Amino acid sequence: MSNGIIRSRGFTNETLGWSAWLDVVTLDQATPEQIAVLEESHPKAKVSDYYLFLVHQPEILRQRSTAFNAIMYAPGGMSRAERELGATVVSRINGCVYCASVHAQRFEQLAKRNDVITQVFDDPHTAGTTPREQAIARFSIALTAAPDQVSADSIRALKDAGLDETEILDLIHSVAIFAWANRLMLNLGEPVFPQQQPVAP
């Protein structure tokens, strides 16, 4: 169960930056409302291009942060680590290198291992160290790639792997918010890799 750096197929669990292609709000020109929303959103929001771009529309960012925190951090239901696994799989399928790196790290911090992250980066369709993880990965792929084809059989496969209805709802929410978040990141900017440790293609 390695806990080291992973680089596979252009994805990594290293800490990456993200650079917006469009203008971001500068703190010295931000309104009091924008500052307040940045402070509510994330400890590093004031130095993040992502948040500094989104805060052009502070109320939308406030609603985004409220929804994200409720989906990813609320107590009960699916474990935090499994929500992060679903988010990583979605990001891998959508090709969002930045989100995949962030949520791979969070999974590792919570689960204290990264074996399944290596599998997700290599081939998400076969990823999972247990039947439960395999079911989570496959459902995350299905809901991301072909949501109109998700059926009762898809839900039954999750239940057969041991997920209850609350956990399934948490997984659906995790996948859904990253369907949105990945596209935002991919369309508004690009990941910034550590220059001293380039990721192999």
N, C-alpha and C. Protein backbone atom coordinates (compact mmCIF):
# COMPACT_ATOMS: atom_id res chain seq x y z
N MET A 1 0.85 -1.19 0.00
CA MET A 1 0.00 0.00 0.00
C MET A 1 0.88 1.24 0.00
N SER A 2 1.40 1.59 -1.15
CA SER A 2 2.30 2.72 -1.27
C SER A 2 1.63 4.02 -0.89
N ASN A 3 2.40 4.95 -0.33
CA ASN A 3 1.90 6.27 -0.02
C ASN A 3 2.75 7.34 -0.69
N GLY A 4 3.46 6.97 -1.75
CA GLY A 4 4.36 7.90 -2.41
C GLY A 4 3.69 8.65 -3.54
N ILE A 5 4.52 9.32 -4.33
CA ILE A 5 4.04 10.09 -5.45
C ILE A 5 3.63 9.16 -6.59
N ILE A 6 2.49 9.45 -7.18
CA ILE A 6 1.97 8.69 -8.31
C ILE A 6 1.98 9.60 -9.53
N ARG A 7 2.49 9.08 -10.63
CA ARG A 7 2.38 9.77 -11.92
C ARG A 7 2.00 8.72 -12.95
N SER A 8 0.83 8.88 -13.55
CA SER A 8 0.38 7.89 -14.52
C SER A 8 -0.56 8.53 -15.53
N ARG A 9 -0.24 8.37 -16.80
CA ARG A 9 -1.11 8.82 -17.89
C ARG A 9 -1.47 10.30 -17.78
N GLY A 10 -0.52 11.09 -17.33
CA GLY A 10 -0.72 12.53 -17.21
C GLY A 10 -1.37 12.97 -15.92
N PHE A 11 -1.72 12.03 -15.06
CA PHE A 11 -2.34 12.34 -13.77
C PHE A 11 -1.33 12.13 -12.65
N THR A 12 -1.56 12.82 -11.54
CA THR A 12 -0.63 12.72 -10.41
C THR A 12 -1.36 13.04 -9.12
N ASN A 13 -0.82 12.53 -8.02
CA ASN A 13 -1.32 12.91 -6.70
C ASN A 13 -0.48 14.01 -6.07
N GLU A 14 0.41 14.59 -6.86
CA GLU A 14 1.20 15.71 -6.37
C GLU A 14 0.33 16.96 -6.22
N THR A 15 0.79 17.90 -5.43
CA THR A 15 0.09 19.17 -5.28
C THR A 15 0.35 20.04 -6.51
N LEU A 16 -0.73 20.42 -7.18
CA LEU A 16 -0.64 21.23 -8.38
C LEU A 16 -1.21 22.62 -8.11
N GLY A 17 -0.80 23.57 -8.92
CA GLY A 17 -1.45 24.86 -8.94
C GLY A 17 -2.51 24.88 -10.03
N TRP A 18 -3.24 25.99 -10.12
CA TRP A 18 -4.22 26.17 -11.19
C TRP A 18 -4.22 27.64 -11.57
N SER A 19 -4.11 27.91 -12.86
CA SER A 19 -4.02 29.28 -13.34
C SER A 19 -5.22 29.60 -14.23
N ALA A 20 -5.94 30.66 -13.88
CA ALA A 20 -7.10 31.08 -14.67
C ALA A 20 -6.64 31.74 -15.97
N TRP A 21 -7.40 31.51 -17.04
CA TRP A 21 -7.11 32.14 -18.32
C TRP A 21 -7.73 33.54 -18.41
N LEU A 22 -8.68 33.82 -17.56
CA LEU A 22 -9.38 35.10 -17.58
C LEU A 22 -9.01 35.91 -16.34
N ASP A 23 -9.44 37.16 -16.31
CA ASP A 23 -9.10 38.05 -15.20
C ASP A 23 -9.68 37.55 -13.89
N VAL A 24 -8.90 37.65 -12.84
CA VAL A 24 -9.37 37.32 -11.50
C VAL A 24 -9.53 38.61 -10.70
N VAL A 25 -10.27 38.53 -9.62
CA VAL A 25 -10.45 39.68 -8.74
C VAL A 25 -9.18 39.88 -7.92
N THR A 26 -8.68 41.09 -7.88
CA THR A 26 -7.55 41.40 -7.01
C THR A 26 -8.08 41.87 -5.67
N LEU A 27 -7.41 41.45 -4.61
CA LEU A 27 -7.93 41.73 -3.27
C LEU A 27 -8.04 43.22 -2.99
N ASP A 28 -7.12 44.01 -3.54
CA ASP A 28 -7.17 45.45 -3.26
C ASP A 28 -8.32 46.15 -3.98
N GLN A 29 -8.97 45.44 -4.92
CA GLN A 29 -10.12 46.00 -5.62
C GLN A 29 -11.41 45.25 -5.32
N ALA A 30 -11.34 44.28 -4.43
CA ALA A 30 -12.51 43.47 -4.10
C ALA A 30 -13.48 44.26 -3.22
N THR A 31 -14.76 43.98 -3.39
CA THR A 31 -15.78 44.60 -2.56
C THR A 31 -15.82 43.90 -1.19
N PRO A 32 -16.42 44.56 -0.20
CA PRO A 32 -16.57 43.88 1.10
C PRO A 32 -17.31 42.54 0.99
N GLU A 33 -18.33 42.47 0.10
CA GLU A 33 -19.05 41.21 -0.08
C GLU A 33 -18.14 40.14 -0.66
N GLN A 34 -17.33 40.50 -1.63
CA GLN A 34 -16.41 39.54 -2.24
C GLN A 34 -15.41 39.02 -1.21
N ILE A 35 -14.86 39.92 -0.39
CA ILE A 35 -13.93 39.50 0.66
C ILE A 35 -14.62 38.55 1.63
N ALA A 36 -15.84 38.88 2.01
CA ALA A 36 -16.57 38.04 2.96
C ALA A 36 -16.80 36.64 2.40
N VAL A 37 -17.18 36.57 1.12
CA VAL A 37 -17.44 35.27 0.51
C VAL A 37 -16.15 34.46 0.38
N LEU A 38 -15.05 35.11 0.03
CA LEU A 38 -13.77 34.41 -0.02
C LEU A 38 -13.41 33.82 1.34
N GLU A 39 -13.63 34.60 2.39
CA GLU A 39 -13.29 34.12 3.74
C GLU A 39 -14.19 32.98 4.17
N GLU A 40 -15.43 32.96 3.67
CA GLU A 40 -16.35 31.86 3.99
C GLU A 40 -16.01 30.58 3.24
N SER A 41 -15.38 30.73 2.07
CA SER A 41 -15.30 29.62 1.12
C SER A 41 -14.21 28.61 1.43
N HIS A 42 -12.99 29.08 1.67
CA HIS A 42 -11.85 28.18 1.83
C HIS A 42 -10.70 28.95 2.46
N PRO A 43 -9.90 28.30 3.32
CA PRO A 43 -8.79 29.01 3.96
C PRO A 43 -7.81 29.65 2.99
N LYS A 44 -7.66 29.06 1.79
CA LYS A 44 -6.70 29.59 0.81
C LYS A 44 -7.37 30.33 -0.34
N ALA A 45 -8.65 30.67 -0.17
CA ALA A 45 -9.40 31.27 -1.27
C ALA A 45 -8.79 32.60 -1.73
N LYS A 46 -8.19 33.35 -0.83
CA LYS A 46 -7.67 34.67 -1.19
C LYS A 46 -6.40 34.60 -2.05
N VAL A 47 -5.82 33.42 -2.16
CA VAL A 47 -4.62 33.27 -2.99
C VAL A 47 -4.83 32.25 -4.11
N SER A 48 -6.07 31.87 -4.34
CA SER A 48 -6.41 30.86 -5.34
C SER A 48 -7.07 31.51 -6.54
N ASP A 49 -6.48 31.30 -7.74
CA ASP A 49 -7.11 31.81 -8.96
C ASP A 49 -8.54 31.30 -9.12
N TYR A 50 -8.77 30.08 -8.71
CA TYR A 50 -10.10 29.48 -8.84
C TYR A 50 -11.14 30.32 -8.11
N TYR A 51 -10.89 30.58 -6.83
CA TYR A 51 -11.84 31.36 -6.04
C TYR A 51 -11.84 32.82 -6.46
N LEU A 52 -10.69 33.34 -6.80
CA LEU A 52 -10.61 34.75 -7.19
C LEU A 52 -11.29 35.00 -8.53
N PHE A 53 -11.42 33.97 -9.35
CA PHE A 53 -12.22 34.11 -10.56
C PHE A 53 -13.71 33.99 -10.24
N LEU A 54 -14.09 32.97 -9.50
CA LEU A 54 -15.50 32.75 -9.21
C LEU A 54 -16.13 33.89 -8.41
N VAL A 55 -15.31 34.59 -7.62
CA VAL A 55 -15.86 35.65 -6.77
C VAL A 55 -16.26 36.89 -7.56
N HIS A 56 -16.04 36.89 -8.89
CA HIS A 56 -16.67 37.91 -9.72
C HIS A 56 -18.18 37.92 -9.48
N GLN A 57 -18.73 36.72 -9.19
CA GLN A 57 -20.15 36.57 -8.86
C GLN A 57 -20.23 36.01 -7.44
N PRO A 58 -20.13 36.87 -6.42
CA PRO A 58 -19.97 36.37 -5.05
C PRO A 58 -21.11 35.50 -4.55
N GLU A 59 -22.34 35.82 -4.92
CA GLU A 59 -23.45 35.01 -4.42
C GLU A 59 -23.43 33.62 -5.03
N ILE A 60 -23.04 33.52 -6.30
CA ILE A 60 -22.92 32.20 -6.92
C ILE A 60 -21.82 31.39 -6.23
N LEU A 61 -20.70 32.04 -5.92
CA LEU A 61 -19.63 31.34 -5.21
C LEU A 61 -20.10 30.91 -3.83
N ARG A 62 -20.86 31.76 -3.16
CA ARG A 62 -21.38 31.38 -1.83
C ARG A 62 -22.25 30.13 -1.93
N GLN A 63 -23.14 30.10 -2.91
CA GLN A 63 -24.02 28.95 -3.08
C GLN A 63 -23.22 27.70 -3.48
N ARG A 64 -22.21 27.89 -4.32
CA ARG A 64 -21.35 26.77 -4.72
C ARG A 64 -20.65 26.18 -3.50
N SER A 65 -20.09 27.04 -2.67
CA SER A 65 -19.34 26.55 -1.51
C SER A 65 -20.26 25.86 -0.52
N THR A 66 -21.46 26.39 -0.32
CA THR A 66 -22.42 25.76 0.58
C THR A 66 -22.79 24.36 0.09
N ALA A 67 -23.08 24.25 -1.22
CA ALA A 67 -23.43 22.94 -1.78
C ALA A 67 -22.26 21.97 -1.70
N PHE A 68 -21.07 22.44 -2.09
CA PHE A 68 -19.89 21.57 -2.09
C PHE A 68 -19.61 21.04 -0.69
N ASN A 69 -19.62 21.92 0.30
CA ASN A 69 -19.31 21.50 1.66
C ASN A 69 -20.34 20.52 2.20
N ALA A 70 -21.61 20.73 1.85
CA ALA A 70 -22.66 19.81 2.30
C ALA A 70 -22.49 18.43 1.66
N ILE A 71 -22.12 18.42 0.39
CA ILE A 71 -21.98 17.15 -0.32
C ILE A 71 -20.75 16.38 0.12
N MET A 72 -19.63 17.07 0.25
CA MET A 72 -18.36 16.38 0.49
C MET A 72 -18.03 16.18 1.96
N TYR A 73 -18.56 17.02 2.85
CA TYR A 73 -18.11 17.00 4.24
C TYR A 73 -19.20 16.69 5.26
N ALA A 74 -20.45 16.58 4.85
CA ALA A 74 -21.53 16.36 5.82
C ALA A 74 -21.32 15.04 6.56
N PRO A 75 -21.64 15.00 7.84
CA PRO A 75 -21.50 13.75 8.61
C PRO A 75 -22.55 12.72 8.20
N GLY A 76 -22.26 11.46 8.49
CA GLY A 76 -23.19 10.39 8.17
C GLY A 76 -23.09 9.97 6.72
N GLY A 77 -23.82 8.92 6.37
CA GLY A 77 -23.83 8.46 4.99
C GLY A 77 -22.52 7.85 4.57
N MET A 78 -22.16 8.05 3.31
CA MET A 78 -20.93 7.49 2.77
C MET A 78 -19.72 8.11 3.45
N SER A 79 -18.69 7.30 3.64
CA SER A 79 -17.48 7.82 4.29
C SER A 79 -16.85 8.93 3.46
N ARG A 80 -16.16 9.82 4.13
CA ARG A 80 -15.47 10.91 3.44
C ARG A 80 -14.50 10.36 2.39
N ALA A 81 -13.78 9.31 2.75
CA ALA A 81 -12.80 8.74 1.82
C ALA A 81 -13.48 8.23 0.56
N GLU A 82 -14.62 7.58 0.70
CA GLU A 82 -15.31 7.05 -0.48
C GLU A 82 -15.89 8.17 -1.35
N ARG A 83 -16.33 9.25 -0.73
CA ARG A 83 -16.77 10.41 -1.53
C ARG A 83 -15.60 10.95 -2.35
N GLU A 84 -14.42 11.01 -1.72
CA GLU A 84 -13.24 11.49 -2.43
C GLU A 84 -12.83 10.52 -3.54
N LEU A 85 -13.03 9.23 -3.31
CA LEU A 85 -12.74 8.26 -4.36
C LEU A 85 -13.65 8.49 -5.56
N GLY A 86 -14.94 8.67 -5.31
CA GLY A 86 -15.86 8.95 -6.40
C GLY A 86 -15.46 10.21 -7.15
N ALA A 87 -15.08 11.26 -6.42
CA ALA A 87 -14.66 12.52 -7.04
C ALA A 87 -13.41 12.33 -7.89
N THR A 88 -12.49 11.51 -7.43
CA THR A 88 -11.26 11.25 -8.18
C THR A 88 -11.56 10.49 -9.46
N VAL A 89 -12.45 9.50 -9.39
CA VAL A 89 -12.81 8.74 -10.58
C VAL A 89 -13.47 9.66 -11.61
N VAL A 90 -14.41 10.48 -11.18
CA VAL A 90 -15.08 11.41 -12.10
C VAL A 90 -14.05 12.32 -12.77
N SER A 91 -13.13 12.85 -11.96
CA SER A 91 -12.13 13.77 -12.49
C SER A 91 -11.21 13.06 -13.48
N ARG A 92 -10.91 11.82 -13.22
CA ARG A 92 -10.09 11.04 -14.15
C ARG A 92 -10.83 10.83 -15.47
N ILE A 93 -12.10 10.49 -15.40
CA ILE A 93 -12.90 10.27 -16.62
C ILE A 93 -13.03 11.56 -17.41
N ASN A 94 -13.25 12.67 -16.73
CA ASN A 94 -13.43 13.95 -17.41
C ASN A 94 -12.12 14.60 -17.85
N GLY A 95 -11.00 14.02 -17.43
CA GLY A 95 -9.70 14.55 -17.83
C GLY A 95 -9.27 15.78 -17.06
N CYS A 96 -9.80 15.96 -15.84
CA CYS A 96 -9.44 17.13 -15.04
C CYS A 96 -8.27 16.76 -14.12
N VAL A 97 -7.07 17.05 -14.58
CA VAL A 97 -5.86 16.67 -13.86
C VAL A 97 -5.80 17.35 -12.49
N TYR A 98 -6.19 18.61 -12.45
CA TYR A 98 -6.11 19.36 -11.19
C TYR A 98 -7.03 18.76 -10.13
N CYS A 99 -8.32 18.59 -10.46
CA CYS A 99 -9.26 18.03 -9.49
C CYS A 99 -8.86 16.61 -9.08
N ALA A 100 -8.39 15.84 -10.03
CA ALA A 100 -7.96 14.47 -9.70
C ALA A 100 -6.83 14.49 -8.69
N SER A 101 -5.90 15.42 -8.83
CA SER A 101 -4.78 15.48 -7.88
C SER A 101 -5.26 15.88 -6.49
N VAL A 102 -6.13 16.87 -6.42
CA VAL A 102 -6.63 17.34 -5.12
C VAL A 102 -7.37 16.23 -4.39
N HIS A 103 -8.26 15.56 -5.09
CA HIS A 103 -9.12 14.58 -4.40
C HIS A 103 -8.44 13.23 -4.22
N ALA A 104 -7.45 12.94 -5.04
CA ALA A 104 -6.60 11.79 -4.75
C ALA A 104 -5.87 12.00 -3.43
N GLN A 105 -5.35 13.19 -3.23
CA GLN A 105 -4.66 13.50 -1.97
C GLN A 105 -5.59 13.38 -0.78
N ARG A 106 -6.80 13.88 -0.95
CA ARG A 106 -7.75 13.83 0.17
C ARG A 106 -8.14 12.40 0.50
N PHE A 107 -8.32 11.56 -0.54
CA PHE A 107 -8.58 10.15 -0.28
C PHE A 107 -7.43 9.55 0.52
N GLU A 108 -6.22 9.81 0.07
CA GLU A 108 -5.04 9.24 0.74
C GLU A 108 -4.94 9.69 2.19
N GLN A 109 -5.23 10.95 2.45
CA GLN A 109 -5.17 11.46 3.82
C GLN A 109 -6.19 10.77 4.71
N LEU A 110 -7.35 10.48 4.16
CA LEU A 110 -8.42 9.87 4.94
C LEU A 110 -8.26 8.36 5.06
N ALA A 111 -7.87 7.71 3.96
CA ALA A 111 -7.78 6.24 3.93
C ALA A 111 -6.41 5.72 4.34
N LYS A 112 -5.41 6.61 4.36
CA LYS A 112 -4.03 6.23 4.71
C LYS A 112 -3.43 5.23 3.73
N ARG A 113 -3.81 5.34 2.47
CA ARG A 113 -3.26 4.48 1.42
C ARG A 113 -3.58 5.10 0.06
N ASN A 114 -2.86 4.67 -0.97
CA ASN A 114 -3.16 5.20 -2.30
C ASN A 114 -3.17 4.13 -3.39
N ASP A 115 -3.29 2.87 -2.97
CA ASP A 115 -3.27 1.79 -3.95
C ASP A 115 -4.39 1.94 -4.98
N VAL A 116 -5.59 2.27 -4.52
CA VAL A 116 -6.71 2.41 -5.46
C VAL A 116 -6.55 3.65 -6.33
N ILE A 117 -5.85 4.67 -5.83
CA ILE A 117 -5.61 5.88 -6.64
C ILE A 117 -4.72 5.52 -7.83
N THR A 118 -3.70 4.71 -7.59
CA THR A 118 -2.86 4.24 -8.69
C THR A 118 -3.70 3.54 -9.73
N GLN A 119 -4.63 2.71 -9.29
CA GLN A 119 -5.51 1.99 -10.22
C GLN A 119 -6.42 2.95 -10.98
N VAL A 120 -6.96 3.95 -10.30
CA VAL A 120 -7.84 4.92 -10.96
C VAL A 120 -7.09 5.66 -12.05
N PHE A 121 -5.86 6.07 -11.76
CA PHE A 121 -5.09 6.79 -12.76
C PHE A 121 -4.71 5.89 -13.94
N ASP A 122 -4.38 4.64 -13.64
CA ASP A 122 -3.98 3.71 -14.71
C ASP A 122 -5.18 3.33 -15.59
N ASP A 123 -6.27 2.90 -14.96
CA ASP A 123 -7.46 2.50 -15.70
C ASP A 123 -8.65 2.49 -14.74
N PRO A 124 -9.43 3.57 -14.72
CA PRO A 124 -10.54 3.65 -13.76
C PRO A 124 -11.58 2.56 -13.94
N HIS A 125 -11.68 2.00 -15.13
CA HIS A 125 -12.70 0.98 -15.39
C HIS A 125 -12.43 -0.32 -14.63
N THR A 126 -11.21 -0.56 -14.24
CA THR A 126 -10.88 -1.78 -13.49
C THR A 126 -10.42 -1.46 -12.07
N ALA A 127 -10.58 -0.20 -11.63
CA ALA A 127 -10.06 0.22 -10.33
C ALA A 127 -10.91 -0.30 -9.18
N GLY A 128 -10.25 -0.51 -8.05
CA GLY A 128 -10.93 -0.93 -6.84
C GLY A 128 -10.21 -2.09 -6.19
N THR A 129 -9.89 -1.94 -4.92
CA THR A 129 -9.19 -3.02 -4.20
C THR A 129 -10.17 -3.96 -3.52
N THR A 130 -11.45 -3.59 -3.51
CA THR A 130 -12.50 -4.43 -2.92
C THR A 130 -13.72 -4.36 -3.84
N PRO A 131 -14.66 -5.30 -3.72
CA PRO A 131 -15.88 -5.21 -4.52
C PRO A 131 -16.63 -3.89 -4.30
N ARG A 132 -16.59 -3.37 -3.09
CA ARG A 132 -17.26 -2.10 -2.80
C ARG A 132 -16.60 -0.96 -3.57
N GLU A 133 -15.27 -0.88 -3.53
CA GLU A 133 -14.58 0.16 -4.29
C GLU A 133 -14.80 0.01 -5.79
N GLN A 134 -14.80 -1.22 -6.26
CA GLN A 134 -15.05 -1.46 -7.68
C GLN A 134 -16.43 -0.97 -8.08
N ALA A 135 -17.42 -1.21 -7.22
CA ALA A 135 -18.78 -0.77 -7.51
C ALA A 135 -18.86 0.75 -7.52
N ILE A 136 -18.19 1.40 -6.58
CA ILE A 136 -18.17 2.86 -6.53
C ILE A 136 -17.53 3.43 -7.80
N ALA A 137 -16.41 2.86 -8.20
CA ALA A 137 -15.72 3.35 -9.39
C ALA A 137 -16.58 3.15 -10.64
N ARG A 138 -17.18 2.00 -10.78
CA ARG A 138 -17.97 1.71 -11.99
C ARG A 138 -19.21 2.60 -12.07
N PHE A 139 -19.85 2.80 -10.92
CA PHE A 139 -21.03 3.67 -10.92
C PHE A 139 -20.63 5.11 -11.23
N SER A 140 -19.52 5.56 -10.67
CA SER A 140 -19.05 6.93 -10.92
C SER A 140 -18.76 7.14 -12.40
N ILE A 141 -18.17 6.13 -13.02
CA ILE A 141 -17.90 6.20 -14.47
C ILE A 141 -19.21 6.26 -15.24
N ALA A 142 -20.14 5.38 -14.90
CA ALA A 142 -21.40 5.30 -15.64
C ALA A 142 -22.18 6.60 -15.54
N LEU A 143 -22.27 7.16 -14.33
CA LEU A 143 -23.05 8.39 -14.15
C LEU A 143 -22.36 9.58 -14.82
N THR A 144 -21.05 9.52 -14.95
CA THR A 144 -20.31 10.58 -15.61
C THR A 144 -20.39 10.48 -17.12
N ALA A 145 -20.17 9.29 -17.63
CA ALA A 145 -20.05 9.11 -19.08
C ALA A 145 -21.39 8.96 -19.80
N ALA A 146 -22.36 8.35 -19.12
CA ALA A 146 -23.65 8.10 -19.79
C ALA A 146 -24.77 8.13 -18.75
N PRO A 147 -25.07 9.31 -18.20
CA PRO A 147 -26.08 9.38 -17.13
C PRO A 147 -27.45 8.89 -17.55
N ASP A 148 -27.77 9.00 -18.84
CA ASP A 148 -29.08 8.55 -19.31
C ASP A 148 -29.20 7.02 -19.32
N GLN A 149 -28.07 6.34 -19.15
CA GLN A 149 -28.10 4.88 -19.16
C GLN A 149 -28.03 4.27 -17.75
N VAL A 150 -27.92 5.13 -16.73
CA VAL A 150 -27.95 4.63 -15.36
C VAL A 150 -29.36 4.14 -15.06
N SER A 151 -29.46 2.95 -14.48
CA SER A 151 -30.75 2.31 -14.30
C SER A 151 -30.86 1.69 -12.92
N ALA A 152 -31.98 1.03 -12.71
CA ALA A 152 -32.19 0.31 -11.45
C ALA A 152 -31.10 -0.74 -11.25
N ASP A 153 -30.63 -1.32 -12.33
CA ASP A 153 -29.55 -2.31 -12.22
C ASP A 153 -28.27 -1.67 -11.70
N SER A 154 -28.03 -0.43 -12.09
CA SER A 154 -26.84 0.29 -11.61
C SER A 154 -26.91 0.48 -10.10
N ILE A 155 -28.10 0.83 -9.61
CA ILE A 155 -28.29 1.02 -8.17
C ILE A 155 -28.20 -0.32 -7.44
N ARG A 156 -28.75 -1.34 -8.06
CA ARG A 156 -28.72 -2.68 -7.45
C ARG A 156 -27.28 -3.17 -7.28
N ALA A 157 -26.42 -2.85 -8.23
CA ALA A 157 -25.01 -3.25 -8.12
C ALA A 157 -24.35 -2.60 -6.92
N LEU A 158 -24.71 -1.34 -6.65
CA LEU A 158 -24.17 -0.67 -5.45
C LEU A 158 -24.70 -1.33 -4.19
N LYS A 159 -25.98 -1.63 -4.16
CA LYS A 159 -26.55 -2.28 -2.98
C LYS A 159 -25.93 -3.65 -2.76
N ASP A 160 -25.71 -4.38 -3.85
CA ASP A 160 -25.08 -5.70 -3.73
C ASP A 160 -23.67 -5.61 -3.17
N ALA A 161 -23.02 -4.46 -3.38
CA ALA A 161 -21.67 -4.26 -2.86
C ALA A 161 -21.67 -3.73 -1.43
N GLY A 162 -22.88 -3.51 -0.88
CA GLY A 162 -22.97 -3.13 0.53
C GLY A 162 -23.34 -1.69 0.81
N LEU A 163 -23.61 -0.89 -0.22
CA LEU A 163 -23.99 0.50 0.01
C LEU A 163 -25.48 0.59 0.33
N ASP A 164 -25.81 1.41 1.33
CA ASP A 164 -27.22 1.64 1.62
C ASP A 164 -27.71 2.86 0.84
N GLU A 165 -28.99 3.18 0.98
CA GLU A 165 -29.58 4.23 0.15
C GLU A 165 -28.97 5.60 0.44
N THR A 166 -28.64 5.88 1.68
CA THR A 166 -28.03 7.17 2.02
C THR A 166 -26.64 7.27 1.39
N GLU A 167 -25.88 6.21 1.44
CA GLU A 167 -24.55 6.21 0.83
C GLU A 167 -24.64 6.37 -0.69
N ILE A 168 -25.62 5.73 -1.29
CA ILE A 168 -25.80 5.86 -2.73
C ILE A 168 -26.14 7.31 -3.09
N LEU A 169 -27.00 7.94 -2.30
CA LEU A 169 -27.34 9.34 -2.55
C LEU A 169 -26.10 10.23 -2.43
N ASP A 170 -25.27 9.97 -1.42
CA ASP A 170 -24.03 10.74 -1.26
C ASP A 170 -23.12 10.57 -2.48
N LEU A 171 -23.04 9.35 -2.99
CA LEU A 171 -22.19 9.09 -4.16
C LEU A 171 -22.74 9.83 -5.39
N ILE A 172 -24.05 9.78 -5.58
CA ILE A 172 -24.65 10.49 -6.71
C ILE A 172 -24.36 11.98 -6.63
N HIS A 173 -24.49 12.54 -5.44
CA HIS A 173 -24.21 13.97 -5.26
C HIS A 173 -22.73 14.29 -5.54
N SER A 174 -21.85 13.42 -5.07
CA SER A 174 -20.41 13.65 -5.29
C SER A 174 -20.08 13.63 -6.77
N VAL A 175 -20.64 12.66 -7.48
CA VAL A 175 -20.40 12.57 -8.92
C VAL A 175 -20.98 13.81 -9.62
N ALA A 176 -22.18 14.20 -9.23
CA ALA A 176 -22.86 15.31 -9.90
C ALA A 176 -22.10 16.62 -9.74
N ILE A 177 -21.62 16.91 -8.52
CA ILE A 177 -20.96 18.20 -8.34
C ILE A 177 -19.63 18.24 -9.08
N PHE A 178 -19.01 17.09 -9.27
CA PHE A 178 -17.75 17.09 -10.02
C PHE A 178 -17.98 17.09 -11.53
N ALA A 179 -19.14 16.65 -11.98
CA ALA A 179 -19.49 16.84 -13.39
C ALA A 179 -19.48 18.33 -13.71
N TRP A 180 -19.90 19.14 -12.74
CA TRP A 180 -19.91 20.60 -12.88
C TRP A 180 -18.51 21.17 -12.65
N ALA A 181 -17.88 20.78 -11.54
CA ALA A 181 -16.59 21.37 -11.15
C ALA A 181 -15.50 21.10 -12.18
N ASN A 182 -15.43 19.87 -12.69
CA ASN A 182 -14.41 19.54 -13.68
C ASN A 182 -14.54 20.41 -14.92
N ARG A 183 -15.74 20.57 -15.40
CA ARG A 183 -15.94 21.37 -16.60
C ARG A 183 -15.58 22.84 -16.37
N LEU A 184 -15.84 23.32 -15.18
CA LEU A 184 -15.45 24.68 -14.84
C LEU A 184 -13.93 24.82 -14.89
N MET A 185 -13.23 23.91 -14.25
CA MET A 185 -11.77 23.97 -14.21
C MET A 185 -11.16 23.81 -15.61
N LEU A 186 -11.74 22.93 -16.39
CA LEU A 186 -11.19 22.65 -17.72
C LEU A 186 -11.43 23.80 -18.71
N ASN A 187 -12.50 24.55 -18.49
CA ASN A 187 -12.85 25.61 -19.43
C ASN A 187 -12.33 26.98 -19.04
N LEU A 188 -11.93 27.15 -17.79
CA LEU A 188 -11.54 28.48 -17.32
C LEU A 188 -10.06 28.63 -17.03
N GLY A 189 -9.30 27.54 -17.07
CA GLY A 189 -7.88 27.65 -16.74
C GLY A 189 -7.17 26.33 -16.96
N GLU A 190 -5.98 26.20 -16.36
CA GLU A 190 -5.18 25.00 -16.57
C GLU A 190 -4.36 24.68 -15.32
N PRO A 191 -4.06 23.40 -15.14
CA PRO A 191 -3.22 23.02 -13.99
C PRO A 191 -1.79 23.50 -14.18
N VAL A 192 -1.14 23.76 -13.06
CA VAL A 192 0.27 24.16 -13.07
C VAL A 192 1.05 23.09 -12.33
N PHE A 193 1.96 22.41 -13.04
CA PHE A 193 2.72 21.31 -12.46
C PHE A 193 3.98 21.83 -11.79
N PRO A 194 4.44 21.12 -10.76
CA PRO A 194 5.73 21.47 -10.16
C PRO A 194 6.83 21.38 -11.22
N GLN A 195 7.54 22.45 -11.44
CA GLN A 195 8.53 22.49 -12.52
C GLN A 195 9.68 21.51 -12.30
N GLN A 196 9.99 21.28 -11.02
CA GLN A 196 11.13 20.41 -10.75
C GLN A 196 10.76 18.93 -10.85
N GLN A 197 9.48 18.62 -10.94
CA GLN A 197 9.05 17.23 -11.00
C GLN A 197 7.99 17.08 -12.08
N PRO A 198 8.37 17.20 -13.35
CA PRO A 198 7.37 17.09 -14.42
C PRO A 198 6.71 15.72 -14.44
N VAL A 199 5.43 15.71 -14.78
CA VAL A 199 4.67 14.47 -14.85
C VAL A 199 4.82 13.87 -16.24
N ALA A 200 5.16 12.60 -16.30
CA ALA A 200 5.33 11.93 -17.57
C ALA A 200 3.99 11.83 -18.30
N PRO A 201 3.97 11.90 -19.61
CA PRO A 201 2.71 11.78 -20.36
C PRO A 201 2.16 10.37 -20.29
